[in-house]
């Protein structure tokens, strides 16, 4: 397994002559001592002395199992990078005068990123005199966004930053894609039912009245 975790100085690699030592529970402060005494303490506890805050004065060192510590750190960083890659903000750039073939290819990339759950920043980069016509970029971004409206929603409206015009699209969720609430439909159905149920009542009332006239 490739070690992608941050490298910490441990044991004999620590350069400071004096260190502040923290216990293996992460809370107990064992005090400031010479590096030699700290290393001796680590050996007594059958642990490693790891420099976790080298910029502190004096540097902070922790007593721990360095092998397990590196494994946990590597696992955390792998998970963080995986999450960032799949759901982080990605950017796809366009030229104002992009051809249809290149545009189609860019749109397919955006679709793939959205399906992976990533938010996508669509950026039109203006070079030279093309900056005088930002409406071309606005039209291009609108065209792309409208073509993706079934799978994406606009999270950030068009904005200019220097020579770059951009929008941000986010993946469409089930809630975003859901139809209008059924409440209105139910109310309409209830209203129609009430009208239908009222008509027989009126009919029965008229029938009773006719019977009274007939008896009279």
N, C-alpha and C. Protein backbone atom coordinates (compact mmCIF):
# COMPACT_ATOMS: atom_id res chain seq x y z
N UNK A 1 0.84 -1.20 0.00
CA UNK A 1 0.00 0.00 0.00
C UNK A 1 0.88 1.25 0.00
N UNK A 2 0.56 2.17 -0.92
CA UNK A 2 1.36 3.40 -1.03
C UNK A 2 1.10 4.29 0.17
N UNK A 3 2.15 4.80 0.75
CA UNK A 3 2.02 5.65 1.93
C UNK A 3 1.77 7.08 1.48
N UNK A 4 0.53 7.55 1.64
CA UNK A 4 0.21 8.91 1.24
C UNK A 4 0.02 9.81 2.45
N UNK A 5 0.16 9.24 3.64
CA UNK A 5 -0.03 10.02 4.85
C UNK A 5 1.14 10.97 5.06
N UNK A 6 0.86 12.04 5.77
CA UNK A 6 1.91 13.00 6.10
C UNK A 6 2.98 12.33 6.93
N UNK A 7 4.22 12.63 6.65
CA UNK A 7 5.32 12.04 7.39
C UNK A 7 5.58 12.84 8.68
N UNK A 8 5.66 12.13 9.77
CA UNK A 8 5.96 12.74 11.06
C UNK A 8 7.33 12.26 11.51
N UNK A 9 8.08 13.13 12.15
CA UNK A 9 9.35 12.69 12.74
C UNK A 9 9.05 11.85 13.96
N UNK A 10 9.75 10.75 14.09
CA UNK A 10 9.53 9.86 15.23
C UNK A 10 10.85 9.38 15.80
N UNK A 11 10.86 9.20 17.09
CA UNK A 11 12.00 8.64 17.81
C UNK A 11 13.31 9.35 17.48
N UNK A 12 14.29 8.63 16.91
CA UNK A 12 15.61 9.21 16.66
C UNK A 12 15.63 10.28 15.57
N UNK A 13 14.55 10.44 14.83
CA UNK A 13 14.51 11.45 13.77
C UNK A 13 14.11 12.83 14.30
N UNK A 14 13.68 12.89 15.55
CA UNK A 14 13.30 14.18 16.14
C UNK A 14 14.55 14.99 16.39
N UNK A 15 14.54 16.26 15.96
CA UNK A 15 15.74 17.08 16.03
C UNK A 15 15.81 17.98 17.26
N UNK A 16 14.67 18.29 17.85
CA UNK A 16 14.65 19.21 18.99
C UNK A 16 15.34 18.58 20.20
N UNK A 17 16.00 19.41 20.98
CA UNK A 17 16.67 18.90 22.18
C UNK A 17 15.73 18.84 23.38
N UNK A 18 14.67 19.66 23.35
CA UNK A 18 13.67 19.70 24.41
C UNK A 18 12.29 19.59 23.79
N UNK A 19 11.41 18.78 24.38
CA UNK A 19 10.07 18.56 23.83
C UNK A 19 9.02 18.61 24.92
N UNK A 20 7.79 18.88 24.50
CA UNK A 20 6.64 18.81 25.40
C UNK A 20 5.94 17.49 25.11
N UNK A 21 5.78 16.64 26.08
CA UNK A 21 5.30 15.28 25.86
C UNK A 21 3.84 15.13 26.31
N UNK A 22 3.07 14.52 25.41
CA UNK A 22 1.66 14.22 25.68
C UNK A 22 1.51 12.72 25.76
N UNK A 23 0.69 12.25 26.71
CA UNK A 23 0.51 10.82 26.90
C UNK A 23 -0.20 10.16 25.74
N UNK A 24 -0.23 8.83 25.76
CA UNK A 24 -0.84 8.09 24.67
C UNK A 24 -2.36 8.25 24.62
N UNK A 25 -2.97 8.79 25.68
CA UNK A 25 -4.41 9.02 25.65
C UNK A 25 -4.75 10.34 24.97
N UNK A 26 -3.72 11.12 24.65
CA UNK A 26 -3.93 12.38 23.94
C UNK A 26 -4.31 13.54 24.84
N UNK A 27 -4.53 13.30 26.11
CA UNK A 27 -4.97 14.35 27.02
C UNK A 27 -3.96 14.62 28.14
N UNK A 28 -3.35 13.57 28.63
CA UNK A 28 -2.43 13.73 29.75
C UNK A 28 -1.13 14.40 29.32
N UNK A 29 -0.86 15.57 29.87
CA UNK A 29 0.37 16.30 29.58
C UNK A 29 1.45 15.85 30.56
N UNK A 30 2.48 15.23 30.02
CA UNK A 30 3.54 14.69 30.88
C UNK A 30 4.62 15.72 31.17
N UNK A 31 4.56 16.87 30.48
CA UNK A 31 5.48 17.95 30.79
C UNK A 31 6.57 18.14 29.77
N UNK A 32 7.40 19.16 30.03
CA UNK A 32 8.53 19.49 29.16
C UNK A 32 9.76 18.76 29.68
N UNK A 33 10.46 18.08 28.77
CA UNK A 33 11.63 17.31 29.18
C UNK A 33 12.62 17.24 28.02
N UNK A 34 13.79 16.77 28.33
CA UNK A 34 14.80 16.63 27.28
C UNK A 34 14.38 15.51 26.33
N UNK A 35 14.89 15.55 25.12
CA UNK A 35 14.56 14.51 24.15
C UNK A 35 15.00 13.14 24.65
N UNK A 36 16.16 13.10 25.32
CA UNK A 36 16.66 11.82 25.82
C UNK A 36 15.70 11.21 26.83
N UNK A 37 15.19 12.04 27.76
CA UNK A 37 14.24 11.54 28.75
C UNK A 37 12.93 11.10 28.10
N UNK A 38 12.49 11.86 27.08
CA UNK A 38 11.25 11.51 26.40
C UNK A 38 11.38 10.16 25.67
N UNK A 39 12.52 9.95 25.04
CA UNK A 39 12.76 8.68 24.35
C UNK A 39 12.83 7.53 25.34
N UNK A 40 13.44 7.78 26.50
CA UNK A 40 13.53 6.76 27.53
C UNK A 40 12.13 6.40 28.05
N UNK A 41 11.28 7.42 28.20
CA UNK A 41 9.90 7.18 28.66
C UNK A 41 9.13 6.36 27.62
N UNK A 42 9.34 6.67 26.35
CA UNK A 42 8.65 5.93 25.29
C UNK A 42 9.07 4.47 25.30
N UNK A 43 10.35 4.19 25.52
CA UNK A 43 10.82 2.81 25.55
C UNK A 43 10.21 2.06 26.73
N UNK A 44 10.10 2.74 27.86
CA UNK A 44 9.51 2.11 29.04
C UNK A 44 8.05 1.68 28.78
N UNK A 45 7.34 2.49 28.03
CA UNK A 45 5.94 2.20 27.75
C UNK A 45 5.75 1.37 26.48
N UNK A 46 6.89 1.00 25.84
CA UNK A 46 6.87 0.24 24.59
C UNK A 46 6.03 0.95 23.52
N UNK A 47 6.25 2.25 23.44
CA UNK A 47 5.57 3.08 22.44
C UNK A 47 6.60 3.90 21.68
N UNK A 48 6.13 4.65 20.69
CA UNK A 48 7.00 5.52 19.92
C UNK A 48 6.78 6.96 20.36
N UNK A 49 7.82 7.77 20.20
CA UNK A 49 7.73 9.19 20.46
C UNK A 49 7.58 9.88 19.10
N UNK A 50 6.42 10.51 18.87
CA UNK A 50 6.12 11.10 17.56
C UNK A 50 5.91 12.60 17.71
N UNK A 51 6.61 13.36 16.88
CA UNK A 51 6.50 14.82 16.88
C UNK A 51 5.24 15.22 16.10
N UNK A 52 4.19 15.65 16.82
CA UNK A 52 2.92 15.97 16.18
C UNK A 52 2.73 17.46 15.93
N UNK A 53 3.49 18.30 16.61
CA UNK A 53 3.39 19.75 16.40
C UNK A 53 4.79 20.34 16.40
N UNK A 54 5.51 20.20 15.28
CA UNK A 54 6.91 20.65 15.22
C UNK A 54 7.08 22.16 15.31
N UNK A 55 6.03 22.93 14.97
CA UNK A 55 6.14 24.38 14.98
C UNK A 55 5.97 24.98 16.38
N UNK A 56 5.51 24.17 17.33
CA UNK A 56 5.32 24.68 18.70
C UNK A 56 6.67 24.89 19.37
N UNK A 57 6.66 25.66 20.43
CA UNK A 57 7.90 25.95 21.16
C UNK A 57 7.70 25.61 22.65
N UNK A 58 8.26 24.49 23.12
CA UNK A 58 9.01 23.48 22.36
C UNK A 58 8.06 22.59 21.56
N UNK A 59 8.57 21.82 20.59
CA UNK A 59 7.73 20.94 19.79
C UNK A 59 6.96 19.95 20.67
N UNK A 60 5.73 19.65 20.24
CA UNK A 60 4.88 18.72 20.99
C UNK A 60 5.08 17.32 20.43
N UNK A 61 5.36 16.38 21.33
CA UNK A 61 5.53 14.98 20.94
C UNK A 61 4.53 14.12 21.69
N UNK A 62 4.07 13.08 21.03
CA UNK A 62 3.05 12.22 21.61
C UNK A 62 3.56 10.78 21.68
N UNK A 63 3.21 10.11 22.75
CA UNK A 63 3.55 8.70 22.90
C UNK A 63 2.45 7.87 22.25
N UNK A 64 2.80 7.06 21.26
CA UNK A 64 1.79 6.24 20.57
C UNK A 64 2.45 5.14 19.76
N UNK A 65 1.60 4.26 19.23
CA UNK A 65 2.06 3.19 18.34
C UNK A 65 2.15 3.80 16.95
N UNK A 66 3.36 4.08 16.48
CA UNK A 66 3.52 4.82 15.23
C UNK A 66 3.01 4.04 14.02
N UNK A 67 3.16 2.73 14.04
CA UNK A 67 2.69 1.92 12.92
C UNK A 67 1.18 2.03 12.76
N UNK A 68 0.47 1.91 13.85
CA UNK A 68 -0.99 2.03 13.80
C UNK A 68 -1.40 3.45 13.46
N UNK A 69 -0.68 4.41 14.00
CA UNK A 69 -0.97 5.82 13.74
C UNK A 69 -0.89 6.13 12.24
N UNK A 70 0.17 5.63 11.58
CA UNK A 70 0.34 5.88 10.15
C UNK A 70 -0.77 5.20 9.34
N UNK A 71 -1.16 4.02 9.78
CA UNK A 71 -2.23 3.30 9.09
C UNK A 71 -3.54 4.08 9.14
N UNK A 72 -3.88 4.59 10.33
CA UNK A 72 -5.12 5.35 10.50
C UNK A 72 -5.07 6.64 9.67
N UNK A 73 -3.92 7.32 9.69
CA UNK A 73 -3.78 8.56 8.93
C UNK A 73 -3.93 8.31 7.43
N UNK A 74 -3.30 7.24 6.95
CA UNK A 74 -3.38 6.91 5.52
C UNK A 74 -4.82 6.60 5.13
N UNK A 75 -5.53 5.86 5.96
CA UNK A 75 -6.92 5.51 5.68
C UNK A 75 -7.80 6.75 5.62
N UNK A 76 -7.61 7.67 6.56
CA UNK A 76 -8.40 8.90 6.60
C UNK A 76 -8.15 9.75 5.35
N UNK A 77 -6.88 9.86 4.94
CA UNK A 77 -6.56 10.69 3.78
C UNK A 77 -7.09 10.07 2.50
N UNK A 78 -7.07 8.75 2.40
CA UNK A 78 -7.62 8.09 1.22
C UNK A 78 -9.13 8.35 1.11
N UNK A 79 -9.82 8.24 2.24
CA UNK A 79 -11.27 8.47 2.24
C UNK A 79 -11.59 9.91 1.90
N UNK A 80 -10.79 10.84 2.43
CA UNK A 80 -11.03 12.26 2.16
C UNK A 80 -10.81 12.58 0.68
N UNK A 81 -9.74 12.01 0.09
CA UNK A 81 -9.46 12.26 -1.33
C UNK A 81 -10.53 11.63 -2.21
N UNK A 82 -11.01 10.46 -1.82
CA UNK A 82 -12.06 9.80 -2.60
C UNK A 82 -13.34 10.62 -2.57
N UNK A 83 -13.69 11.13 -1.39
CA UNK A 83 -14.90 11.95 -1.27
C UNK A 83 -14.76 13.25 -2.05
N UNK A 84 -13.59 13.86 -1.99
CA UNK A 84 -13.36 15.11 -2.69
C UNK A 84 -13.42 14.90 -4.20
N UNK A 85 -12.89 13.77 -4.66
CA UNK A 85 -12.88 13.50 -6.09
C UNK A 85 -14.27 13.29 -6.63
N UNK A 86 -15.14 12.64 -5.84
CA UNK A 86 -16.47 12.30 -6.34
C UNK A 86 -17.49 13.41 -6.13
N UNK A 87 -17.37 14.16 -5.04
CA UNK A 87 -18.40 15.15 -4.73
C UNK A 87 -17.88 16.57 -4.63
N UNK A 88 -16.61 16.80 -4.89
CA UNK A 88 -16.07 18.15 -4.79
C UNK A 88 -16.47 18.99 -5.98
N UNK A 89 -16.07 20.25 -5.96
CA UNK A 89 -16.35 21.17 -7.06
C UNK A 89 -15.33 20.94 -8.17
N UNK A 90 -15.82 20.60 -9.36
CA UNK A 90 -14.96 20.40 -10.52
C UNK A 90 -15.19 21.53 -11.50
N UNK A 91 -14.21 21.79 -12.34
CA UNK A 91 -14.31 22.90 -13.29
C UNK A 91 -14.10 22.42 -14.72
N UNK A 92 -14.97 22.87 -15.60
CA UNK A 92 -14.84 22.59 -17.04
C UNK A 92 -14.81 23.94 -17.76
N UNK A 93 -13.77 24.17 -18.56
CA UNK A 93 -13.60 25.47 -19.21
C UNK A 93 -14.02 25.43 -20.68
N UNK A 94 -14.55 26.56 -21.13
CA UNK A 94 -14.99 26.71 -22.51
C UNK A 94 -14.35 27.96 -23.12
N UNK A 95 -14.15 27.93 -24.45
CA UNK A 95 -13.76 29.13 -25.17
C UNK A 95 -15.02 29.80 -25.70
N UNK A 96 -15.06 31.12 -25.77
CA UNK A 96 -16.26 31.80 -26.26
C UNK A 96 -16.66 31.33 -27.66
N UNK A 97 -15.68 31.07 -28.52
CA UNK A 97 -15.98 30.67 -29.90
C UNK A 97 -15.78 29.17 -30.09
N UNK A 98 -16.18 28.38 -29.09
CA UNK A 98 -15.97 26.93 -29.16
C UNK A 98 -16.82 26.31 -30.27
N UNK A 99 -16.25 25.35 -30.97
CA UNK A 99 -16.97 24.66 -32.03
C UNK A 99 -17.96 23.65 -31.47
N UNK A 100 -18.93 23.24 -32.28
CA UNK A 100 -19.98 22.34 -31.82
C UNK A 100 -19.41 20.99 -31.37
N UNK A 101 -18.44 20.47 -32.11
CA UNK A 101 -17.85 19.18 -31.75
C UNK A 101 -17.19 19.25 -30.37
N UNK A 102 -16.39 20.29 -30.15
CA UNK A 102 -15.72 20.45 -28.86
C UNK A 102 -16.74 20.71 -27.76
N UNK A 103 -17.79 21.47 -28.08
CA UNK A 103 -18.83 21.76 -27.08
C UNK A 103 -19.52 20.48 -26.64
N UNK A 104 -19.84 19.62 -27.60
CA UNK A 104 -20.49 18.35 -27.27
C UNK A 104 -19.60 17.50 -26.36
N UNK A 105 -18.30 17.50 -26.65
CA UNK A 105 -17.37 16.73 -25.84
C UNK A 105 -17.31 17.28 -24.41
N UNK A 106 -17.30 18.61 -24.27
CA UNK A 106 -17.28 19.24 -22.95
C UNK A 106 -18.56 18.92 -22.18
N UNK A 107 -19.68 18.96 -22.87
CA UNK A 107 -20.96 18.69 -22.21
C UNK A 107 -21.00 17.26 -21.70
N UNK A 108 -20.44 16.33 -22.46
CA UNK A 108 -20.40 14.94 -21.99
C UNK A 108 -19.57 14.80 -20.73
N UNK A 109 -18.49 15.58 -20.64
CA UNK A 109 -17.67 15.57 -19.42
C UNK A 109 -18.48 16.09 -18.24
N UNK A 110 -19.20 17.19 -18.46
CA UNK A 110 -20.03 17.76 -17.40
C UNK A 110 -21.09 16.76 -16.95
N UNK A 111 -21.72 16.08 -17.90
CA UNK A 111 -22.74 15.09 -17.56
C UNK A 111 -22.15 13.98 -16.69
N UNK A 112 -20.96 13.52 -17.04
CA UNK A 112 -20.32 12.45 -16.29
C UNK A 112 -20.03 12.89 -14.85
N UNK A 113 -19.53 14.11 -14.69
CA UNK A 113 -19.22 14.62 -13.36
C UNK A 113 -20.49 14.77 -12.52
N UNK A 114 -21.56 15.25 -13.14
CA UNK A 114 -22.82 15.40 -12.42
C UNK A 114 -23.37 14.06 -11.98
N UNK A 115 -23.26 13.05 -12.84
CA UNK A 115 -23.73 11.71 -12.48
C UNK A 115 -22.91 11.12 -11.34
N UNK A 116 -21.66 11.55 -11.21
CA UNK A 116 -20.81 11.09 -10.10
C UNK A 116 -21.13 11.82 -8.80
N UNK A 117 -22.00 12.82 -8.89
CA UNK A 117 -22.40 13.56 -7.69
C UNK A 117 -21.61 14.82 -7.44
N UNK A 118 -20.79 15.23 -8.40
CA UNK A 118 -19.97 16.43 -8.22
C UNK A 118 -20.70 17.68 -8.69
N UNK A 119 -20.42 18.77 -8.04
CA UNK A 119 -20.86 20.07 -8.54
C UNK A 119 -19.85 20.51 -9.61
N UNK A 120 -20.34 21.19 -10.63
CA UNK A 120 -19.46 21.55 -11.74
C UNK A 120 -19.50 23.05 -12.00
N UNK A 121 -18.33 23.64 -12.05
CA UNK A 121 -18.20 25.05 -12.41
C UNK A 121 -17.94 25.14 -13.90
N UNK A 122 -18.85 25.78 -14.62
CA UNK A 122 -18.67 25.98 -16.06
C UNK A 122 -18.07 27.37 -16.25
N UNK A 123 -16.90 27.43 -16.83
CA UNK A 123 -16.18 28.70 -16.94
C UNK A 123 -15.85 29.02 -18.39
N UNK A 124 -16.24 30.21 -18.81
CA UNK A 124 -15.88 30.71 -20.14
C UNK A 124 -14.73 31.70 -19.96
N UNK A 125 -13.59 31.39 -20.55
CA UNK A 125 -12.39 32.22 -20.39
C UNK A 125 -12.23 33.10 -21.62
N UNK A 126 -12.24 34.40 -21.38
CA UNK A 126 -12.09 35.37 -22.48
C UNK A 126 -10.63 35.75 -22.65
N UNK A 127 -10.17 35.74 -23.87
CA UNK A 127 -8.80 36.13 -24.17
C UNK A 127 -8.80 37.27 -25.19
N UNK A 128 -7.85 38.17 -25.03
CA UNK A 128 -7.74 39.28 -25.97
C UNK A 128 -8.99 40.13 -26.02
N UNK A 129 -9.42 40.47 -27.24
CA UNK A 129 -10.55 41.38 -27.43
C UNK A 129 -11.90 40.71 -27.19
N UNK A 130 -11.92 39.39 -27.01
CA UNK A 130 -13.20 38.70 -26.80
C UNK A 130 -13.86 39.14 -25.50
N UNK A 131 -13.09 39.74 -24.59
CA UNK A 131 -13.65 40.22 -23.33
C UNK A 131 -14.68 41.31 -23.56
N UNK A 132 -14.65 41.94 -24.74
CA UNK A 132 -15.61 43.02 -25.05
C UNK A 132 -17.00 42.48 -25.34
N UNK A 133 -17.13 41.16 -25.45
CA UNK A 133 -18.43 40.58 -25.76
C UNK A 133 -18.80 39.49 -24.75
N UNK A 134 -19.03 39.86 -23.50
CA UNK A 134 -19.38 38.86 -22.48
C UNK A 134 -20.72 38.19 -22.75
N UNK A 135 -21.57 38.84 -23.56
CA UNK A 135 -22.88 38.24 -23.85
C UNK A 135 -22.74 36.92 -24.59
N UNK A 136 -21.62 36.73 -25.31
CA UNK A 136 -21.38 35.45 -25.99
C UNK A 136 -21.21 34.34 -24.95
N UNK A 137 -20.49 34.67 -23.89
CA UNK A 137 -20.29 33.69 -22.83
C UNK A 137 -21.58 33.38 -22.10
N UNK A 138 -22.38 34.43 -21.84
CA UNK A 138 -23.66 34.23 -21.16
C UNK A 138 -24.56 33.32 -21.98
N UNK A 139 -24.61 33.55 -23.29
CA UNK A 139 -25.43 32.74 -24.18
C UNK A 139 -24.95 31.29 -24.21
N UNK A 140 -23.63 31.10 -24.20
CA UNK A 140 -23.07 29.76 -24.22
C UNK A 140 -23.41 29.00 -22.94
N UNK A 141 -23.23 29.66 -21.80
CA UNK A 141 -23.53 29.01 -20.52
C UNK A 141 -25.01 28.69 -20.39
N UNK A 142 -25.85 29.61 -20.89
CA UNK A 142 -27.30 29.36 -20.84
C UNK A 142 -27.66 28.14 -21.68
N UNK A 143 -27.03 28.03 -22.85
CA UNK A 143 -27.30 26.91 -23.75
C UNK A 143 -26.92 25.58 -23.09
N UNK A 144 -25.75 25.56 -22.45
CA UNK A 144 -25.29 24.33 -21.79
C UNK A 144 -26.19 23.99 -20.61
N UNK A 145 -26.51 24.99 -19.78
CA UNK A 145 -27.33 24.76 -18.60
C UNK A 145 -28.72 24.25 -18.97
N UNK A 146 -29.31 24.84 -20.02
CA UNK A 146 -30.65 24.41 -20.44
C UNK A 146 -30.62 22.99 -20.98
N UNK A 147 -29.52 22.62 -21.61
CA UNK A 147 -29.41 21.25 -22.12
C UNK A 147 -29.24 20.21 -21.02
N UNK A 148 -28.85 20.67 -19.83
CA UNK A 148 -28.62 19.76 -18.70
C UNK A 148 -29.67 19.90 -17.60
N UNK A 149 -30.74 20.61 -17.88
CA UNK A 149 -31.70 20.94 -16.83
C UNK A 149 -32.42 19.72 -16.25
N UNK A 150 -32.40 18.59 -16.95
CA UNK A 150 -33.04 17.39 -16.42
C UNK A 150 -32.19 16.69 -15.38
N UNK A 151 -30.89 16.97 -15.36
CA UNK A 151 -30.00 16.30 -14.40
C UNK A 151 -29.27 17.28 -13.49
N UNK A 152 -29.44 18.59 -13.73
CA UNK A 152 -28.70 19.57 -12.94
C UNK A 152 -29.56 20.79 -12.65
N UNK A 153 -29.21 21.47 -11.57
CA UNK A 153 -29.87 22.73 -11.22
C UNK A 153 -28.81 23.82 -11.09
N UNK A 154 -29.20 25.04 -11.33
CA UNK A 154 -28.27 26.17 -11.25
C UNK A 154 -28.09 26.55 -9.79
N UNK A 155 -26.85 26.43 -9.31
CA UNK A 155 -26.57 26.77 -7.92
C UNK A 155 -25.98 28.17 -7.80
N UNK A 156 -25.25 28.61 -8.80
CA UNK A 156 -24.66 29.95 -8.79
C UNK A 156 -24.90 30.60 -10.14
N UNK A 157 -25.54 31.77 -10.11
CA UNK A 157 -25.85 32.50 -11.34
C UNK A 157 -24.57 33.00 -12.00
N UNK A 158 -24.63 33.38 -13.28
CA UNK A 158 -23.43 33.85 -13.98
C UNK A 158 -22.75 35.00 -13.25
N UNK A 159 -21.45 34.89 -13.10
CA UNK A 159 -20.67 35.93 -12.43
C UNK A 159 -19.32 36.09 -13.11
N UNK A 160 -18.83 37.31 -13.15
CA UNK A 160 -17.56 37.60 -13.83
C UNK A 160 -16.45 37.75 -12.79
N UNK A 161 -15.36 37.04 -13.00
CA UNK A 161 -14.17 37.15 -12.16
C UNK A 161 -12.98 37.37 -13.08
N UNK A 162 -12.55 38.63 -13.17
CA UNK A 162 -11.47 38.94 -14.10
C UNK A 162 -11.92 38.72 -15.53
N UNK A 163 -11.28 37.78 -16.22
CA UNK A 163 -11.64 37.45 -17.60
C UNK A 163 -12.43 36.14 -17.69
N UNK A 164 -12.94 35.69 -16.59
CA UNK A 164 -13.67 34.42 -16.57
C UNK A 164 -15.11 34.62 -16.13
N UNK A 165 -16.03 34.15 -16.95
CA UNK A 165 -17.46 34.16 -16.65
C UNK A 165 -17.84 32.74 -16.28
N UNK A 166 -18.53 32.56 -15.15
CA UNK A 166 -18.81 31.20 -14.71
C UNK A 166 -20.17 31.05 -14.05
N UNK A 167 -20.65 29.82 -14.06
CA UNK A 167 -21.82 29.42 -13.29
C UNK A 167 -21.47 28.12 -12.60
N UNK A 168 -22.28 27.72 -11.62
CA UNK A 168 -22.07 26.44 -10.95
C UNK A 168 -23.35 25.63 -11.06
N UNK A 169 -23.22 24.39 -11.53
CA UNK A 169 -24.34 23.47 -11.62
C UNK A 169 -24.18 22.40 -10.55
N UNK A 170 -25.28 22.02 -9.93
CA UNK A 170 -25.27 20.96 -8.92
C UNK A 170 -26.16 19.82 -9.40
N UNK A 171 -25.84 18.59 -9.02
CA UNK A 171 -26.66 17.45 -9.45
C UNK A 171 -28.10 17.61 -8.97
N UNK A 172 -29.03 17.21 -9.79
CA UNK A 172 -30.45 17.27 -9.44
C UNK A 172 -30.75 16.13 -8.48
N UNK A 173 -31.37 16.45 -7.35
CA UNK A 173 -31.77 15.43 -6.40
C UNK A 173 -33.20 15.00 -6.68
N UNK A 174 -33.63 13.92 -6.03
CA UNK A 174 -35.01 13.46 -6.21
C UNK A 174 -36.00 14.52 -5.77
N UNK A 175 -35.65 15.24 -4.71
CA UNK A 175 -36.54 16.27 -4.22
C UNK A 175 -36.67 17.41 -5.23
N UNK A 176 -35.53 17.77 -5.86
CA UNK A 176 -35.56 18.82 -6.87
C UNK A 176 -36.38 18.41 -8.08
N UNK A 177 -36.32 17.12 -8.41
CA UNK A 177 -36.98 16.65 -9.61
C UNK A 177 -38.42 16.22 -9.37
N UNK A 178 -38.88 16.27 -8.12
CA UNK A 178 -40.23 15.80 -7.80
C UNK A 178 -41.28 16.74 -8.38
N UNK A 179 -42.46 16.19 -8.73
CA UNK A 179 -43.53 17.04 -9.27
C UNK A 179 -44.14 17.91 -8.20
N UNK A 180 -45.08 18.76 -8.61
CA UNK A 180 -45.74 19.63 -7.65
C UNK A 180 -46.43 18.80 -6.59
N UNK A 181 -46.56 19.30 -5.36
CA UNK A 181 -47.20 18.55 -4.29
C UNK A 181 -48.60 18.10 -4.70
N UNK A 182 -49.02 16.96 -4.19
CA UNK A 182 -50.32 16.42 -4.53
C UNK A 182 -51.46 17.10 -3.78
N UNK A 183 -51.12 18.01 -2.88
CA UNK A 183 -52.13 18.65 -2.06
C UNK A 183 -53.16 19.36 -2.93
N UNK A 184 -52.67 20.09 -3.95
CA UNK A 184 -53.58 20.85 -4.80
C UNK A 184 -54.52 19.92 -5.54
N UNK A 185 -53.99 18.81 -6.03
CA UNK A 185 -54.81 17.86 -6.75
C UNK A 185 -55.86 17.25 -5.83
N UNK A 186 -55.46 16.92 -4.60
CA UNK A 186 -56.39 16.35 -3.64
C UNK A 186 -57.50 17.32 -3.31
N UNK A 187 -57.14 18.61 -3.14
CA UNK A 187 -58.14 19.62 -2.83
C UNK A 187 -59.14 19.75 -3.96
N UNK A 188 -58.65 19.72 -5.20
CA UNK A 188 -59.52 19.84 -6.36
C UNK A 188 -60.48 18.66 -6.40
N UNK A 189 -59.95 17.47 -6.12
CA UNK A 189 -60.79 16.29 -6.14
C UNK A 189 -61.85 16.37 -5.06
N UNK A 190 -61.48 16.89 -3.89
CA UNK A 190 -62.45 17.02 -2.80
C UNK A 190 -63.53 18.01 -3.18
N UNK A 191 -63.16 19.12 -3.83
CA UNK A 191 -64.13 20.13 -4.23
C UNK A 191 -65.12 19.56 -5.22
N UNK A 192 -64.61 18.78 -6.19
CA UNK A 192 -65.47 18.17 -7.17
C UNK A 192 -66.41 17.17 -6.52
N UNK A 193 -65.87 16.41 -5.55
CA UNK A 193 -66.70 15.43 -4.86
C UNK A 193 -67.82 16.10 -4.10
N UNK A 194 -67.47 17.24 -3.45
CA UNK A 194 -68.47 17.93 -2.66
C UNK A 194 -69.57 18.48 -3.54
N UNK A 195 -69.20 18.96 -4.75
CA UNK A 195 -70.21 19.47 -5.68
C UNK A 195 -71.12 18.35 -6.13
N UNK A 196 -70.50 17.18 -6.40
CA UNK A 196 -71.28 16.04 -6.86
C UNK A 196 -72.21 15.53 -5.78
N UNK A 197 -71.76 15.59 -4.52
CA UNK A 197 -72.61 15.09 -3.43
C UNK A 197 -73.70 16.06 -3.09
N UNK A 198 -73.51 17.35 -3.43
CA UNK A 198 -74.53 18.33 -3.11
C UNK A 198 -75.70 18.22 -4.07
N UNK A 199 -75.45 17.86 -5.33
CA UNK A 199 -76.52 17.80 -6.33
C UNK A 199 -77.61 16.81 -5.97
N UNK A 200 -77.29 15.60 -5.52
CA UNK A 200 -78.34 14.67 -5.14
C UNK A 200 -79.18 15.21 -4.00
N UNK A 201 -78.52 15.96 -3.04
CA UNK A 201 -79.27 16.51 -1.92
C UNK A 201 -80.30 17.50 -2.42
N UNK A 202 -79.90 18.35 -3.39
CA UNK A 202 -80.84 19.32 -3.93
C UNK A 202 -81.97 18.59 -4.63
N UNK A 203 -81.67 17.53 -5.35
CA UNK A 203 -82.66 16.77 -6.07
C UNK A 203 -83.65 16.13 -5.12
N UNK A 204 -83.13 15.58 -4.00
CA UNK A 204 -83.99 14.92 -3.04
C UNK A 204 -84.88 15.92 -2.34
N UNK A 205 -84.38 17.15 -2.12
CA UNK A 205 -85.17 18.18 -1.47
C UNK A 205 -86.32 18.59 -2.38
N UNK A 206 -86.04 18.75 -3.66
CA UNK A 206 -87.08 19.13 -4.61
C UNK A 206 -88.13 18.03 -4.71
N UNK A 207 -87.69 16.80 -4.66
CA UNK A 207 -88.62 15.68 -4.75
C UNK A 207 -89.57 15.66 -3.56
N UNK A 208 -89.03 15.95 -2.36
CA UNK A 208 -89.87 15.99 -1.17
C UNK A 208 -90.89 17.09 -1.27
N UNK A 209 -90.44 18.26 -1.81
CA UNK A 209 -91.35 19.41 -1.94
C UNK A 209 -92.46 19.08 -2.92
N UNK A 210 -92.11 18.43 -4.03
CA UNK A 210 -93.10 18.06 -5.01
C UNK A 210 -94.14 17.10 -4.41
N UNK A 211 -93.63 16.20 -3.54
CA UNK A 211 -94.55 15.26 -2.90
C UNK A 211 -95.54 15.98 -2.01
N UNK A 212 -95.06 17.05 -1.29
CA UNK A 212 -95.95 17.80 -0.42
C UNK A 212 -97.03 18.48 -1.23
N UNK A 213 -96.66 19.10 -2.40
CA UNK A 213 -97.64 19.76 -3.25
C UNK A 213 -98.64 18.75 -3.80
N UNK A 214 -98.16 17.58 -4.10
CA UNK A 214 -99.02 16.55 -4.65
C UNK A 214 -100.04 16.10 -3.62
N UNK A 215 -99.59 16.00 -2.33
CA UNK A 215 -100.48 15.60 -1.25
C UNK A 215 -101.52 16.67 -0.96
N UNK A 216 -101.08 17.96 -1.09
CA UNK A 216 -101.99 19.07 -0.85
C UNK A 216 -103.06 19.09 -1.92
